[in-house]
Amino acid sequence: MHNYAFDFERFPPSRQGEGLATWAVLILPYLEQSNLYNQWNIGLPYFQQNNIARMSPVKGYFCPSRRSASDAPSASISGDFPPTTGGTATNIPGALGDYAVVIDPSGTDEPSVTTPNLSGSFQIGMGYSLLSFTDGLSNTLLVGDKQVPVASPGVGWWDCSTYDGEYIQCSSRAASVAFPLTVNPQDTGWKFGSRHTSMVMFCFGDGHIQGLPATINPLTLQLLGTRNDGQVIPPY
């Protein structure tokens, strides 16, 4: 993320736009995955990419406490449906991943009438500059373990393709009062969660990695999940 920000003077967006590539595609060159990145036609939707671009997993996108890139299913089973005006939509499978970026506490990455000013770390279209993290990069969550129910690997909307920008559910999560952490493998909530014992791992804005206790006060979690609320974060 920081190498991307060095080149573009901002973090990547959660996704380039409706149907376009997600952050997980955009940072590939900075993970020594330029060959895979070059398979992508960034100007085209996920659904028009070739099979190598869509289906190739990245080892670093998987948490060893949950699964590996070689585990079945090897790609999404459901949740990656092209926009359709009628008829039956067919799932277009793509590679999976265990991590999600932190979007607005409301659970959206796109400004609207009800949420005109987003305060998460990522949004659609254009990423935030480091200067917009006024609460401090060391106090703000960037990426974390995403909850996938134990019986639902590859199943949308928890675990559709991490590359698919048509749907934010599988490559993004909110960390807030409305979306608390979990370590329950059976939890079907759309939230951050892990298979680690009693904690969920996060990457903070300054690059450090830290496990947050699953019992963290949801309000404290929300303060960590916003980049510019100006609030003091209590001990956790």
Protein backbone atom coordinates (compact mmCIF):
# COMPACT_ATOMS: atom_id res chain seq x y z
CA MET A 1 0.00 0.00 0.00
CA HIS A 2 2.78 2.42 0.88
CA ASN A 3 4.73 1.64 -2.28
CA TYR A 4 1.58 2.40 -4.26
CA ALA A 5 1.16 5.64 -2.32
CA PHE A 6 4.79 6.58 -3.04
CA ASP A 7 4.07 6.38 -6.77
CA PHE A 8 0.58 7.90 -6.80
CA GLU A 9 0.70 10.13 -3.68
CA ARG A 10 -2.34 8.34 -2.26
CA PHE A 11 -3.48 4.89 -1.29
CA PRO A 12 -5.38 2.90 -3.93
CA PRO A 13 -9.16 3.13 -4.07
CA SER A 14 -11.27 0.29 -2.72
CA ARG A 15 -12.16 -0.26 -6.39
CA GLN A 16 -11.64 1.79 -9.51
CA GLY A 17 -15.35 1.98 -10.20
CA GLU A 18 -18.46 -0.15 -10.56
CA GLY A 19 -17.34 -3.44 -12.04
CA LEU A 20 -13.69 -2.42 -12.37
CA ALA A 21 -10.59 -3.71 -10.61
CA THR A 22 -10.30 -3.65 -6.81
CA TRP A 23 -7.36 -2.62 -4.65
CA ALA A 24 -6.22 -6.27 -4.74
CA VAL A 25 -5.48 -5.87 -8.45
CA LEU A 26 -3.98 -2.38 -8.24
CA ILE A 27 -1.25 -3.29 -5.73
CA LEU A 28 -0.12 -6.44 -7.57
CA PRO A 29 3.03 -4.78 -9.01
CA TYR A 30 4.11 -3.96 -5.45
CA LEU A 31 3.81 -7.61 -4.40
CA GLU A 32 6.14 -8.84 -7.13
CA GLN A 33 3.10 -9.83 -9.17
CA SER A 34 3.67 -7.63 -12.23
CA ASN A 35 3.19 -10.58 -14.58
CA LEU A 36 -0.30 -11.13 -13.20
CA TYR A 37 -1.05 -7.40 -13.21
CA ASN A 38 -0.06 -7.24 -16.88
CA GLN A 39 -2.76 -9.79 -17.67
CA TRP A 40 -5.35 -7.22 -16.61
CA ASN A 41 -6.85 -4.68 -18.97
CA ILE A 42 -7.51 -2.09 -16.28
CA GLY A 43 -9.96 -0.19 -18.47
CA LEU A 44 -12.30 -3.18 -18.76
CA PRO A 45 -14.70 -4.64 -16.18
CA TYR A 46 -13.80 -7.71 -14.17
CA PHE A 47 -16.23 -9.75 -16.25
CA GLN A 48 -14.31 -9.02 -19.46
CA GLN A 49 -10.89 -10.02 -18.16
CA ASN A 50 -9.19 -13.18 -19.37
CA ASN A 51 -9.16 -16.35 -17.27
CA ILE A 52 -5.56 -15.92 -16.13
CA ALA A 53 -6.28 -12.42 -14.83
CA ARG A 54 -9.47 -13.43 -13.00
CA MET A 55 -8.54 -16.88 -11.76
CA SER A 56 -4.92 -16.55 -10.60
CA PRO A 57 -4.66 -16.43 -6.80
CA VAL A 58 -1.93 -14.63 -4.88
CA LYS A 59 -0.39 -16.56 -2.00
CA GLY A 60 -0.05 -13.45 0.14
CA TYR A 61 -3.78 -12.81 0.00
CA PHE A 62 -4.51 -15.89 2.12
CA CYS A 63 -4.29 -16.29 5.88
CA PRO A 64 -2.58 -19.60 6.79
CA SER A 65 -4.81 -19.90 9.85
CA ARG A 66 -7.77 -20.29 7.50
CA ARG A 67 -6.62 -21.71 4.16
CA SER A 68 -4.02 -21.56 1.41
CA ALA A 69 -4.17 -20.47 -2.20
CA SER A 70 -4.26 -24.13 -3.26
CA ASP A 71 -7.26 -25.11 -1.13
CA ALA A 72 -10.61 -25.86 -2.72
CA PRO A 73 -12.59 -24.07 -3.92
CA SER A 74 -9.96 -22.50 -6.14
CA ALA A 75 -12.29 -19.66 -7.20
CA SER A 76 -15.62 -18.12 -6.32
CA ILE A 77 -18.67 -20.35 -6.48
CA SER A 78 -21.23 -17.55 -6.40
CA GLY A 79 -21.54 -13.80 -6.01
CA ASP A 80 -19.73 -12.67 -9.17
CA PHE A 81 -22.69 -12.01 -11.42
CA PRO A 82 -22.47 -9.59 -14.35
CA PRO A 83 -25.07 -6.79 -14.33
CA THR A 84 -28.15 -7.99 -16.18
CA THR A 85 -31.44 -6.48 -17.21
CA GLY A 86 -33.19 -9.82 -17.46
CA GLY A 87 -32.70 -13.54 -17.67
CA THR A 88 -30.51 -15.69 -15.45
CA ALA A 89 -27.15 -14.30 -14.36
CA THR A 90 -24.19 -16.69 -14.48
CA ASN A 91 -21.42 -16.51 -11.91
CA ILE A 92 -18.08 -15.53 -13.48
CA PRO A 93 -15.56 -17.09 -11.06
CA GLY A 94 -12.44 -15.37 -9.84
CA ALA A 95 -9.63 -15.81 -7.31
CA LEU A 96 -10.39 -15.51 -3.62
CA GLY A 97 -8.64 -13.77 -0.73
CA ASP A 98 -8.83 -13.52 3.06
CA TYR A 99 -8.30 -9.79 3.50
CA ALA A 100 -10.51 -6.74 3.13
CA VAL A 101 -9.87 -3.01 3.18
CA VAL A 102 -11.62 -0.77 5.68
CA ILE A 103 -14.41 1.36 4.26
CA ASP A 104 -16.78 3.84 5.92
CA PRO A 105 -18.31 2.70 9.25
CA SER A 106 -21.72 2.72 7.55
CA GLY A 107 -20.57 -0.09 5.26
CA THR A 108 -20.32 1.85 1.99
CA ASP A 109 -17.40 3.01 -0.12
CA GLU A 110 -19.41 5.42 -2.25
CA PRO A 111 -20.63 8.90 -1.20
CA SER A 112 -24.39 9.35 -1.30
CA VAL A 113 -27.10 11.65 -0.03
CA THR A 114 -27.18 9.79 3.29
CA THR A 115 -23.37 9.45 3.59
CA PRO A 116 -21.87 12.39 1.68
CA ASN A 117 -18.61 12.46 3.64
CA LEU A 118 -16.97 9.09 4.06
CA SER A 119 -14.50 8.53 6.89
CA GLY A 120 -13.10 5.06 6.24
CA SER A 121 -9.63 4.40 4.85
CA PHE A 122 -10.80 3.54 1.33
CA GLN A 123 -13.42 4.72 -1.13
CA ILE A 124 -14.42 4.04 -4.72
CA GLY A 125 -12.75 5.85 -7.62
CA MET A 126 -9.79 7.57 -6.00
CA GLY A 127 -7.79 6.68 -2.92
CA TYR A 128 -7.13 9.04 -0.04
CA SER A 129 -3.85 10.89 0.33
CA LEU A 130 -1.82 10.17 3.44
CA LEU A 131 -2.50 13.73 4.62
CA SER A 132 -6.22 12.97 4.82
CA PHE A 133 -5.52 10.53 7.68
CA THR A 134 -5.71 13.33 10.22
CA ASP A 135 -6.17 10.94 13.15
CA GLY A 136 -2.71 9.55 12.38
CA LEU A 137 -1.74 6.58 10.25
CA SER A 138 -0.70 4.60 13.33
CA ASN A 139 -4.23 5.02 14.72
CA THR A 140 -6.14 3.97 11.61
CA LEU A 141 -6.96 0.52 10.24
CA LEU A 142 -6.23 -0.21 6.58
CA VAL A 143 -6.68 -3.93 5.96
CA GLY A 144 -7.87 -6.85 8.08
CA ASP A 145 -8.96 -10.47 8.18
CA LYS A 146 -12.43 -10.73 6.68
CA GLN A 147 -15.06 -13.03 8.14
CA VAL A 148 -16.01 -15.99 5.96
CA PRO A 149 -18.39 -18.51 7.56
CA VAL A 150 -16.73 -21.91 7.82
CA ALA A 151 -19.28 -23.52 5.49
CA SER A 152 -19.12 -20.76 2.86
CA PRO A 153 -15.69 -20.59 1.18
CA GLY A 154 -16.08 -19.11 -2.27
CA VAL A 155 -19.69 -18.19 -1.60
CA GLY A 156 -20.93 -14.66 -2.17
CA TRP A 157 -21.46 -12.29 -0.63
CA TRP A 158 -18.84 -13.14 1.97
CA ASP A 159 -16.27 -14.64 -0.36
CA CYS A 160 -16.78 -13.74 -4.02
CA SER A 161 -13.68 -12.81 -6.02
CA THR A 162 -11.32 -10.39 -4.32
CA TYR A 163 -10.72 -8.83 -7.76
CA ASP A 164 -14.36 -8.07 -8.60
CA GLY A 165 -15.18 -4.37 -8.25
CA GLU A 166 -18.85 -4.86 -9.13
CA TYR A 167 -19.52 -5.90 -5.54
CA ILE A 168 -17.69 -4.43 -2.54
CA GLN A 169 -18.77 -7.16 -0.14
CA CYS A 170 -15.87 -9.54 -0.73
CA SER A 171 -12.91 -7.17 -0.85
CA SER A 172 -14.10 -4.60 1.71
CA ARG A 173 -15.51 -4.53 5.22
CA ALA A 174 -16.55 -1.93 7.80
CA ALA A 175 -15.13 -1.80 11.33
CA SER A 176 -17.69 -0.11 13.53
CA VAL A 177 -20.43 -0.40 16.13
CA ALA A 178 -22.69 -1.82 13.44
CA PHE A 179 -20.03 -4.29 12.30
CA PRO A 180 -18.13 -5.68 15.35
CA LEU A 181 -15.33 -8.23 15.18
CA THR A 182 -15.83 -11.98 15.38
CA VAL A 183 -13.78 -15.16 15.78
CA ASN A 184 -16.82 -17.42 15.60
CA PRO A 185 -16.42 -19.66 12.53
CA GLN A 186 -20.20 -19.92 12.25
CA ASP A 187 -20.83 -16.16 12.29
CA THR A 188 -22.68 -15.15 9.11
CA GLY A 189 -22.28 -11.42 9.65
CA TRP A 190 -20.57 -9.16 7.12
CA LYS A 191 -17.67 -8.05 9.27
CA PHE A 192 -14.00 -8.48 10.01
CA GLY A 193 -13.23 -11.88 11.52
CA SER A 194 -10.58 -14.57 11.67
CA ARG A 195 -9.63 -18.12 12.63
CA HIS A 196 -7.05 -16.81 15.07
CA THR A 197 -7.62 -17.48 18.75
CA SER A 198 -9.52 -14.54 20.26
CA MET A 199 -8.10 -11.90 17.90
CA VAL A 200 -8.43 -10.43 14.40
CA MET A 201 -5.30 -9.27 12.58
CA PHE A 202 -5.08 -5.80 11.03
CA CYS A 203 -2.58 -3.75 9.09
CA PHE A 204 -2.55 -0.13 10.29
CA GLY A 205 -1.91 2.93 8.15
CA ASP A 206 1.73 3.23 9.24
CA GLY A 207 2.41 -0.35 8.17
CA HIS A 208 2.48 -2.09 11.54
CA ILE A 209 0.52 -5.32 12.03
CA GLN A 210 -1.49 -5.86 15.18
CA GLY A 211 -4.10 -8.25 16.47
CA LEU A 212 -7.21 -6.66 17.93
CA PRO A 213 -9.08 -8.64 20.58
CA ALA A 214 -12.42 -9.90 19.36
CA THR A 215 -13.88 -8.44 22.55
CA ILE A 216 -12.77 -4.90 21.72
CA ASN A 217 -15.39 -2.27 22.48
CA PRO A 218 -17.20 -1.74 19.15
CA LEU A 219 -17.01 2.04 19.65
CA THR A 220 -13.22 1.82 20.00
CA LEU A 221 -13.16 -0.34 16.88
CA GLN A 222 -15.10 2.37 15.04
CA LEU A 223 -12.62 5.03 16.15
CA LEU A 224 -9.81 2.90 14.73
CA GLY A 225 -11.82 2.34 11.57
CA THR A 226 -12.13 6.05 10.77
CA ARG A 227 -9.29 8.22 9.53
CA ASN A 228 -10.48 11.72 10.46
CA ASP A 229 -12.97 11.82 13.33
CA GLY A 230 -10.66 13.76 15.69
CA GLN A 231 -11.52 11.55 18.66
CA VAL A 232 -9.17 10.21 21.31
CA ILE A 233 -8.85 6.43 21.11
CA PRO A 234 -9.09 4.73 24.54
CA PRO A 235 -6.83 1.84 25.53
CA TYR A 236 -7.64 -1.44 23.86
